[in-house]
Amino acid sequence: MPVSLQALLPRLAAARPAEAARFRGWLVERVGAELGPRLQLLDPVRQELTFALPPLDQLDDALVRARSRLDPGPFRPEMTVHAAHARHPEVAAIFRARGLPGCPDCPVGADESLAEAAAAEGFALGELIHELEGLST
């Protein structure tokens, strides 16, 4: 029956601590030699992402606002948190009062529906929708 390296190291350390320390050092050195050059290849990608992500976030926000304006219907359970924020400036205050992030840029808001937010925070969805609908009148 094959033994994994992860299971072997504690046994070796218990039986022969000096050999285990040497082996662990060799393993760290070997992994570093293999991964080091590959990690350097990631630096240009990180730099590109650092440059590209802020404009993409701004574009995403603009698309959410535009989609919300194109959908003048009522607040609905399946509407995303970001779309609700884009609908009316007072939505942030209503969300904060219920323990939801008050900012329109919360990390999950682009994908999380009002129904999911209500379930996650443990409050009645109907009450939230009713309060939001009071804003649009």
N, C-alpha and C. Protein backbone atom coordinates (compact mmCIF):
# COMPACT_ATOMS: atom_id res chain seq x y z
N MET A 1 0.84 -1.17 0.00
CA MET A 1 0.00 0.00 0.00
C MET A 1 0.89 1.25 0.00
N PRO A 2 0.70 2.14 -0.97
CA PRO A 2 1.56 3.32 -1.04
C PRO A 2 1.30 4.28 0.12
N VAL A 3 2.37 4.93 0.58
CA VAL A 3 2.28 5.89 1.68
C VAL A 3 2.54 7.28 1.10
N SER A 4 1.70 8.23 1.46
CA SER A 4 1.89 9.59 0.94
C SER A 4 3.05 10.25 1.66
N LEU A 5 3.61 11.24 0.99
CA LEU A 5 4.70 12.00 1.58
C LEU A 5 4.23 12.71 2.84
N GLN A 6 3.01 13.18 2.81
CA GLN A 6 2.44 13.88 3.96
C GLN A 6 2.34 12.95 5.18
N ALA A 7 2.05 11.68 4.95
CA ALA A 7 1.96 10.71 6.06
C ALA A 7 3.35 10.24 6.48
N LEU A 8 4.30 10.24 5.55
CA LEU A 8 5.63 9.73 5.82
C LEU A 8 6.46 10.70 6.67
N LEU A 9 6.33 11.99 6.42
CA LEU A 9 7.15 12.98 7.13
C LEU A 9 7.00 12.93 8.65
N PRO A 10 5.79 12.89 9.21
CA PRO A 10 5.71 12.79 10.68
C PRO A 10 6.36 11.52 11.23
N ARG A 11 6.23 10.42 10.51
CA ARG A 11 6.84 9.17 10.97
C ARG A 11 8.37 9.29 10.98
N LEU A 12 8.89 9.88 9.89
CA LEU A 12 10.33 10.06 9.78
C LEU A 12 10.83 11.01 10.87
N ALA A 13 10.08 12.10 11.11
CA ALA A 13 10.47 13.07 12.14
C ALA A 13 10.49 12.43 13.52
N ALA A 14 9.55 11.54 13.78
CA ALA A 14 9.50 10.88 15.09
C ALA A 14 10.64 9.89 15.24
N ALA A 15 10.96 9.17 14.17
CA ALA A 15 11.98 8.12 14.26
C ALA A 15 13.40 8.68 14.09
N ARG A 16 13.55 9.62 13.18
CA ARG A 16 14.89 10.13 12.88
C ARG A 16 14.80 11.65 12.64
N PRO A 17 14.79 12.44 13.67
CA PRO A 17 14.58 13.88 13.53
C PRO A 17 15.61 14.58 12.64
N ALA A 18 16.88 14.22 12.75
CA ALA A 18 17.92 14.88 11.95
C ALA A 18 17.71 14.61 10.46
N GLU A 19 17.41 13.36 10.13
CA GLU A 19 17.17 13.02 8.72
C GLU A 19 15.91 13.70 8.21
N ALA A 20 14.88 13.79 9.05
CA ALA A 20 13.64 14.44 8.65
C ALA A 20 13.89 15.92 8.36
N ALA A 21 14.71 16.57 9.20
CA ALA A 21 15.02 18.00 8.99
C ALA A 21 15.77 18.18 7.68
N ARG A 22 16.74 17.31 7.41
CA ARG A 22 17.49 17.40 6.14
C ARG A 22 16.57 17.17 4.95
N PHE A 23 15.70 16.18 5.06
CA PHE A 23 14.77 15.89 3.96
C PHE A 23 13.82 17.05 3.74
N ARG A 24 13.31 17.60 4.83
CA ARG A 24 12.39 18.74 4.71
C ARG A 24 13.11 19.92 4.02
N GLY A 25 14.36 20.18 4.41
CA GLY A 25 15.15 21.25 3.77
C GLY A 25 15.35 20.99 2.29
N TRP A 26 15.70 19.74 1.96
CA TRP A 26 15.88 19.37 0.55
C TRP A 26 14.58 19.57 -0.23
N LEU A 27 13.46 19.18 0.37
CA LEU A 27 12.16 19.28 -0.29
C LEU A 27 11.79 20.75 -0.54
N VAL A 28 12.00 21.60 0.45
CA VAL A 28 11.70 23.02 0.30
C VAL A 28 12.57 23.62 -0.81
N GLU A 29 13.84 23.26 -0.81
CA GLU A 29 14.76 23.77 -1.84
C GLU A 29 14.34 23.30 -3.24
N ARG A 30 13.96 22.06 -3.34
CA ARG A 30 13.56 21.48 -4.63
C ARG A 30 12.28 22.13 -5.16
N VAL A 31 11.30 22.29 -4.29
CA VAL A 31 10.04 22.93 -4.68
C VAL A 31 10.31 24.37 -5.09
N GLY A 32 11.17 25.07 -4.34
CA GLY A 32 11.51 26.45 -4.68
C GLY A 32 12.19 26.54 -6.03
N ALA A 33 13.09 25.59 -6.32
CA ALA A 33 13.77 25.58 -7.62
C ALA A 33 12.80 25.34 -8.77
N GLU A 34 11.81 24.51 -8.53
CA GLU A 34 10.83 24.22 -9.58
C GLU A 34 9.84 25.37 -9.78
N LEU A 35 9.38 25.95 -8.68
CA LEU A 35 8.34 26.98 -8.77
C LEU A 35 8.87 28.38 -8.99
N GLY A 36 10.10 28.65 -8.53
CA GLY A 36 10.66 30.01 -8.64
C GLY A 36 10.54 30.62 -10.03
N PRO A 37 11.05 29.95 -11.06
CA PRO A 37 10.96 30.53 -12.41
C PRO A 37 9.51 30.71 -12.88
N ARG A 38 8.64 29.81 -12.48
CA ARG A 38 7.23 29.93 -12.88
C ARG A 38 6.56 31.12 -12.20
N LEU A 39 6.91 31.36 -10.93
CA LEU A 39 6.33 32.49 -10.21
C LEU A 39 6.74 33.81 -10.83
N GLN A 40 7.95 33.89 -11.37
CA GLN A 40 8.39 35.11 -12.03
C GLN A 40 7.55 35.41 -13.26
N LEU A 41 7.03 34.39 -13.90
CA LEU A 41 6.17 34.60 -15.07
C LEU A 41 4.85 35.26 -14.69
N LEU A 42 4.47 35.15 -13.42
CA LEU A 42 3.20 35.74 -12.98
C LEU A 42 3.28 37.25 -12.78
N ASP A 43 4.47 37.80 -12.56
CA ASP A 43 4.59 39.23 -12.30
C ASP A 43 4.00 40.11 -13.40
N PRO A 44 4.29 39.85 -14.68
CA PRO A 44 3.67 40.69 -15.72
C PRO A 44 2.15 40.55 -15.74
N VAL A 45 1.65 39.37 -15.44
CA VAL A 45 0.20 39.17 -15.40
C VAL A 45 -0.40 39.97 -14.26
N ARG A 46 0.24 39.94 -13.09
CA ARG A 46 -0.24 40.73 -11.94
C ARG A 46 -0.27 42.21 -12.29
N GLN A 47 0.78 42.70 -12.97
CA GLN A 47 0.83 44.11 -13.35
C GLN A 47 -0.29 44.47 -14.31
N GLU A 48 -0.56 43.61 -15.27
CA GLU A 48 -1.65 43.86 -16.21
C GLU A 48 -2.99 43.89 -15.51
N LEU A 49 -3.20 42.95 -14.59
CA LEU A 49 -4.46 42.91 -13.86
C LEU A 49 -4.63 44.15 -12.98
N THR A 50 -3.56 44.58 -12.35
CA THR A 50 -3.61 45.78 -11.52
C THR A 50 -4.02 46.99 -12.36
N PHE A 51 -3.55 47.03 -13.59
CA PHE A 51 -3.88 48.12 -14.50
C PHE A 51 -5.31 47.98 -15.06
N ALA A 52 -5.72 46.76 -15.36
CA ALA A 52 -6.98 46.55 -16.08
C ALA A 52 -8.21 46.46 -15.17
N LEU A 53 -8.07 46.02 -13.96
CA LEU A 53 -9.24 45.78 -13.12
C LEU A 53 -10.03 47.04 -12.75
N PRO A 54 -9.41 48.14 -12.36
CA PRO A 54 -10.22 49.32 -12.01
C PRO A 54 -11.12 49.80 -13.15
N PRO A 55 -10.63 49.92 -14.39
CA PRO A 55 -11.57 50.32 -15.46
C PRO A 55 -12.66 49.28 -15.70
N LEU A 56 -12.34 48.01 -15.55
CA LEU A 56 -13.37 46.98 -15.73
C LEU A 56 -14.43 47.07 -14.64
N ASP A 57 -14.02 47.38 -13.42
CA ASP A 57 -15.00 47.57 -12.34
C ASP A 57 -15.90 48.76 -12.63
N GLN A 58 -15.32 49.84 -13.14
CA GLN A 58 -16.11 51.02 -13.49
C GLN A 58 -17.10 50.69 -14.60
N LEU A 59 -16.65 49.93 -15.58
CA LEU A 59 -17.53 49.53 -16.68
C LEU A 59 -18.67 48.66 -16.15
N ASP A 60 -18.35 47.73 -15.26
CA ASP A 60 -19.38 46.88 -14.66
C ASP A 60 -20.41 47.73 -13.92
N ASP A 61 -19.94 48.70 -13.14
CA ASP A 61 -20.87 49.58 -12.41
C ASP A 61 -21.76 50.35 -13.38
N ALA A 62 -21.18 50.84 -14.47
CA ALA A 62 -21.96 51.59 -15.45
C ALA A 62 -23.00 50.70 -16.12
N LEU A 63 -22.64 49.47 -16.40
CA LEU A 63 -23.59 48.54 -17.01
C LEU A 63 -24.74 48.21 -16.06
N VAL A 64 -24.44 48.05 -14.79
CA VAL A 64 -25.50 47.78 -13.80
C VAL A 64 -26.45 48.97 -13.74
N ARG A 65 -25.90 50.19 -13.69
CA ARG A 65 -26.76 51.38 -13.64
C ARG A 65 -27.61 51.49 -14.91
N ALA A 66 -27.01 51.22 -16.07
CA ALA A 66 -27.76 51.31 -17.32
C ALA A 66 -28.86 50.25 -17.37
N ARG A 67 -28.54 49.04 -16.96
CA ARG A 67 -29.53 47.97 -16.96
C ARG A 67 -30.69 48.30 -16.02
N SER A 68 -30.36 48.91 -14.90
CA SER A 68 -31.40 49.28 -13.96
C SER A 68 -32.31 50.35 -14.53
N ARG A 69 -31.74 51.31 -15.25
CA ARG A 69 -32.57 52.36 -15.87
C ARG A 69 -33.44 51.81 -16.99
N LEU A 70 -32.95 50.77 -17.67
CA LEU A 70 -33.73 50.16 -18.75
C LEU A 70 -34.87 49.30 -18.21
N ASP A 71 -34.81 48.95 -16.94
CA ASP A 71 -35.83 48.12 -16.31
C ASP A 71 -36.59 48.97 -15.28
N PRO A 72 -37.56 49.74 -15.72
CA PRO A 72 -38.24 50.65 -14.80
C PRO A 72 -39.28 49.96 -13.92
N GLY A 73 -39.39 48.66 -14.01
CA GLY A 73 -40.40 47.93 -13.23
C GLY A 73 -40.14 48.01 -11.74
N PRO A 74 -40.95 47.34 -10.97
CA PRO A 74 -40.83 47.39 -9.51
C PRO A 74 -39.59 46.65 -9.02
N PHE A 75 -39.25 46.89 -7.76
CA PHE A 75 -38.20 46.10 -7.12
C PHE A 75 -38.72 44.68 -7.02
N ARG A 76 -37.87 43.71 -7.35
CA ARG A 76 -38.28 42.31 -7.38
C ARG A 76 -37.29 41.45 -6.61
N PRO A 77 -37.73 40.31 -6.09
CA PRO A 77 -36.82 39.43 -5.34
C PRO A 77 -35.60 39.00 -6.15
N GLU A 78 -35.74 38.81 -7.45
CA GLU A 78 -34.62 38.32 -8.26
C GLU A 78 -33.67 39.43 -8.70
N MET A 79 -34.00 40.69 -8.42
CA MET A 79 -33.14 41.83 -8.75
C MET A 79 -31.86 41.74 -7.92
N THR A 80 -30.72 42.06 -8.52
CA THR A 80 -29.47 42.01 -7.77
C THR A 80 -29.37 43.20 -6.82
N VAL A 81 -28.53 43.04 -5.83
CA VAL A 81 -28.30 44.10 -4.86
C VAL A 81 -27.76 45.34 -5.57
N HIS A 82 -26.84 45.16 -6.51
CA HIS A 82 -26.29 46.31 -7.25
C HIS A 82 -27.37 47.01 -8.08
N ALA A 83 -28.24 46.24 -8.71
CA ALA A 83 -29.31 46.86 -9.50
C ALA A 83 -30.25 47.67 -8.61
N ALA A 84 -30.52 47.18 -7.42
CA ALA A 84 -31.37 47.92 -6.48
C ALA A 84 -30.68 49.23 -6.08
N HIS A 85 -29.39 49.16 -5.79
CA HIS A 85 -28.64 50.36 -5.45
C HIS A 85 -28.69 51.38 -6.59
N ALA A 86 -28.57 50.90 -7.81
CA ALA A 86 -28.55 51.81 -8.96
C ALA A 86 -29.91 52.45 -9.20
N ARG A 87 -30.96 51.86 -8.71
CA ARG A 87 -32.32 52.33 -8.93
C ARG A 87 -32.63 53.61 -8.18
N HIS A 88 -32.11 53.75 -6.95
CA HIS A 88 -32.48 54.90 -6.13
C HIS A 88 -31.38 55.16 -5.09
N PRO A 89 -30.99 56.42 -4.84
CA PRO A 89 -29.89 56.70 -3.91
C PRO A 89 -30.20 56.34 -2.45
N GLU A 90 -31.46 56.26 -2.07
CA GLU A 90 -31.82 55.96 -0.68
C GLU A 90 -31.80 54.46 -0.36
N VAL A 91 -31.56 53.63 -1.36
CA VAL A 91 -31.50 52.18 -1.13
C VAL A 91 -30.40 51.85 -0.13
N ALA A 92 -29.28 52.56 -0.22
CA ALA A 92 -28.15 52.28 0.69
C ALA A 92 -28.57 52.42 2.15
N ALA A 93 -29.34 53.44 2.46
CA ALA A 93 -29.77 53.65 3.85
C ALA A 93 -30.70 52.52 4.31
N ILE A 94 -31.58 52.07 3.44
CA ILE A 94 -32.50 50.97 3.78
C ILE A 94 -31.70 49.69 4.02
N PHE A 95 -30.71 49.43 3.16
CA PHE A 95 -29.89 48.24 3.34
C PHE A 95 -29.10 48.31 4.65
N ARG A 96 -28.49 49.46 4.92
CA ARG A 96 -27.71 49.60 6.16
C ARG A 96 -28.59 49.37 7.39
N ALA A 97 -29.82 49.86 7.36
CA ALA A 97 -30.73 49.69 8.50
C ALA A 97 -31.04 48.21 8.75
N ARG A 98 -30.90 47.38 7.74
CA ARG A 98 -31.19 45.95 7.88
C ARG A 98 -29.91 45.12 8.02
N GLY A 99 -28.77 45.78 8.14
CA GLY A 99 -27.52 45.05 8.33
C GLY A 99 -26.83 44.65 7.04
N LEU A 100 -27.35 45.09 5.91
CA LEU A 100 -26.71 44.79 4.63
C LEU A 100 -25.66 45.86 4.34
N PRO A 101 -24.66 45.52 3.53
CA PRO A 101 -23.69 46.55 3.17
C PRO A 101 -24.41 47.74 2.53
N GLY A 102 -24.09 48.91 3.00
CA GLY A 102 -24.74 50.12 2.49
C GLY A 102 -24.15 50.63 1.20
N CYS A 103 -23.03 50.08 0.79
CA CYS A 103 -22.38 50.60 -0.41
C CYS A 103 -22.83 49.81 -1.64
N PRO A 104 -22.88 50.48 -2.78
CA PRO A 104 -23.29 49.79 -4.00
C PRO A 104 -22.19 48.91 -4.59
N ASP A 105 -21.02 48.87 -3.95
CA ASP A 105 -19.91 48.10 -4.48
C ASP A 105 -19.57 46.87 -3.65
N CYS A 106 -20.54 46.38 -2.84
CA CYS A 106 -20.23 45.20 -2.04
C CYS A 106 -19.82 44.05 -2.96
N PRO A 107 -18.91 43.20 -2.52
CA PRO A 107 -18.33 42.19 -3.40
C PRO A 107 -19.32 41.21 -4.02
N VAL A 108 -20.40 40.88 -3.32
CA VAL A 108 -21.33 39.89 -3.86
C VAL A 108 -22.55 40.52 -4.52
N GLY A 109 -22.65 41.84 -4.46
CA GLY A 109 -23.86 42.52 -4.93
C GLY A 109 -24.19 42.37 -6.39
N ALA A 110 -23.19 42.09 -7.22
CA ALA A 110 -23.46 41.94 -8.65
C ALA A 110 -24.18 40.63 -8.94
N ASP A 111 -24.01 39.65 -8.07
CA ASP A 111 -24.60 38.33 -8.30
C ASP A 111 -25.71 37.98 -7.31
N GLU A 112 -25.70 38.61 -6.14
CA GLU A 112 -26.66 38.25 -5.10
C GLU A 112 -27.98 38.96 -5.31
N SER A 113 -29.05 38.20 -5.31
CA SER A 113 -30.38 38.79 -5.47
C SER A 113 -30.87 39.35 -4.15
N LEU A 114 -31.92 40.17 -4.22
CA LEU A 114 -32.52 40.69 -2.98
C LEU A 114 -33.02 39.54 -2.12
N ALA A 115 -33.58 38.51 -2.76
CA ALA A 115 -34.08 37.35 -2.01
C ALA A 115 -32.94 36.64 -1.28
N GLU A 116 -31.81 36.48 -1.95
CA GLU A 116 -30.65 35.83 -1.32
C GLU A 116 -30.10 36.67 -0.18
N ALA A 117 -30.05 38.00 -0.38
CA ALA A 117 -29.56 38.89 0.67
C ALA A 117 -30.47 38.82 1.90
N ALA A 118 -31.77 38.83 1.67
CA ALA A 118 -32.72 38.75 2.78
C ALA A 118 -32.55 37.42 3.53
N ALA A 119 -32.42 36.34 2.80
CA ALA A 119 -32.25 35.03 3.44
C ALA A 119 -30.95 34.97 4.22
N ALA A 120 -29.88 35.53 3.66
CA ALA A 120 -28.58 35.48 4.32
C ALA A 120 -28.57 36.30 5.60
N GLU A 121 -29.30 37.41 5.62
CA GLU A 121 -29.31 38.28 6.79
C GLU A 121 -30.47 37.98 7.74
N GLY A 122 -31.40 37.13 7.32
CA GLY A 122 -32.48 36.69 8.19
C GLY A 122 -33.59 37.70 8.42
N PHE A 123 -33.98 38.43 7.38
CA PHE A 123 -35.13 39.32 7.53
C PHE A 123 -36.14 39.04 6.43
N ALA A 124 -37.34 39.56 6.59
CA ALA A 124 -38.44 39.26 5.68
C ALA A 124 -38.25 39.99 4.35
N LEU A 125 -38.23 39.22 3.28
CA LEU A 125 -38.07 39.78 1.94
C LEU A 125 -39.23 40.71 1.60
N GLY A 126 -40.44 40.32 1.94
CA GLY A 126 -41.61 41.14 1.61
C GLY A 126 -41.52 42.53 2.21
N GLU A 127 -41.04 42.61 3.45
CA GLU A 127 -40.89 43.92 4.09
C GLU A 127 -39.85 44.77 3.37
N LEU A 128 -38.75 44.15 2.96
CA LEU A 128 -37.71 44.88 2.23
C LEU A 128 -38.26 45.41 0.91
N ILE A 129 -38.92 44.55 0.15
CA ILE A 129 -39.48 44.96 -1.15
C ILE A 129 -40.48 46.10 -0.93
N HIS A 130 -41.33 45.99 0.07
CA HIS A 130 -42.33 47.03 0.36
C HIS A 130 -41.65 48.36 0.66
N GLU A 131 -40.59 48.32 1.48
CA GLU A 131 -39.88 49.55 1.82
C GLU A 131 -39.18 50.14 0.60
N LEU A 132 -38.58 49.27 -0.23
CA LEU A 132 -37.92 49.76 -1.45
C LEU A 132 -38.94 50.36 -2.41
N GLU A 133 -40.10 49.74 -2.53
CA GLU A 133 -41.14 50.26 -3.41
C GLU A 133 -41.60 51.65 -2.95
N GLY A 134 -41.54 51.91 -1.67
CA GLY A 134 -41.91 53.23 -1.16
C GLY A 134 -40.98 54.32 -1.68
N LEU A 135 -39.77 53.96 -2.07
CA LEU A 135 -38.82 54.93 -2.63
C LEU A 135 -39.19 55.35 -4.03
N SER A 136 -39.75 54.45 -4.79
CA SER A 136 -39.97 54.74 -6.21
C SER A 136 -41.23 55.56 -6.46
N THR A 137 -42.02 55.83 -5.42
CA THR A 137 -43.24 56.61 -5.63
C THR A 137 -43.00 58.09 -5.47
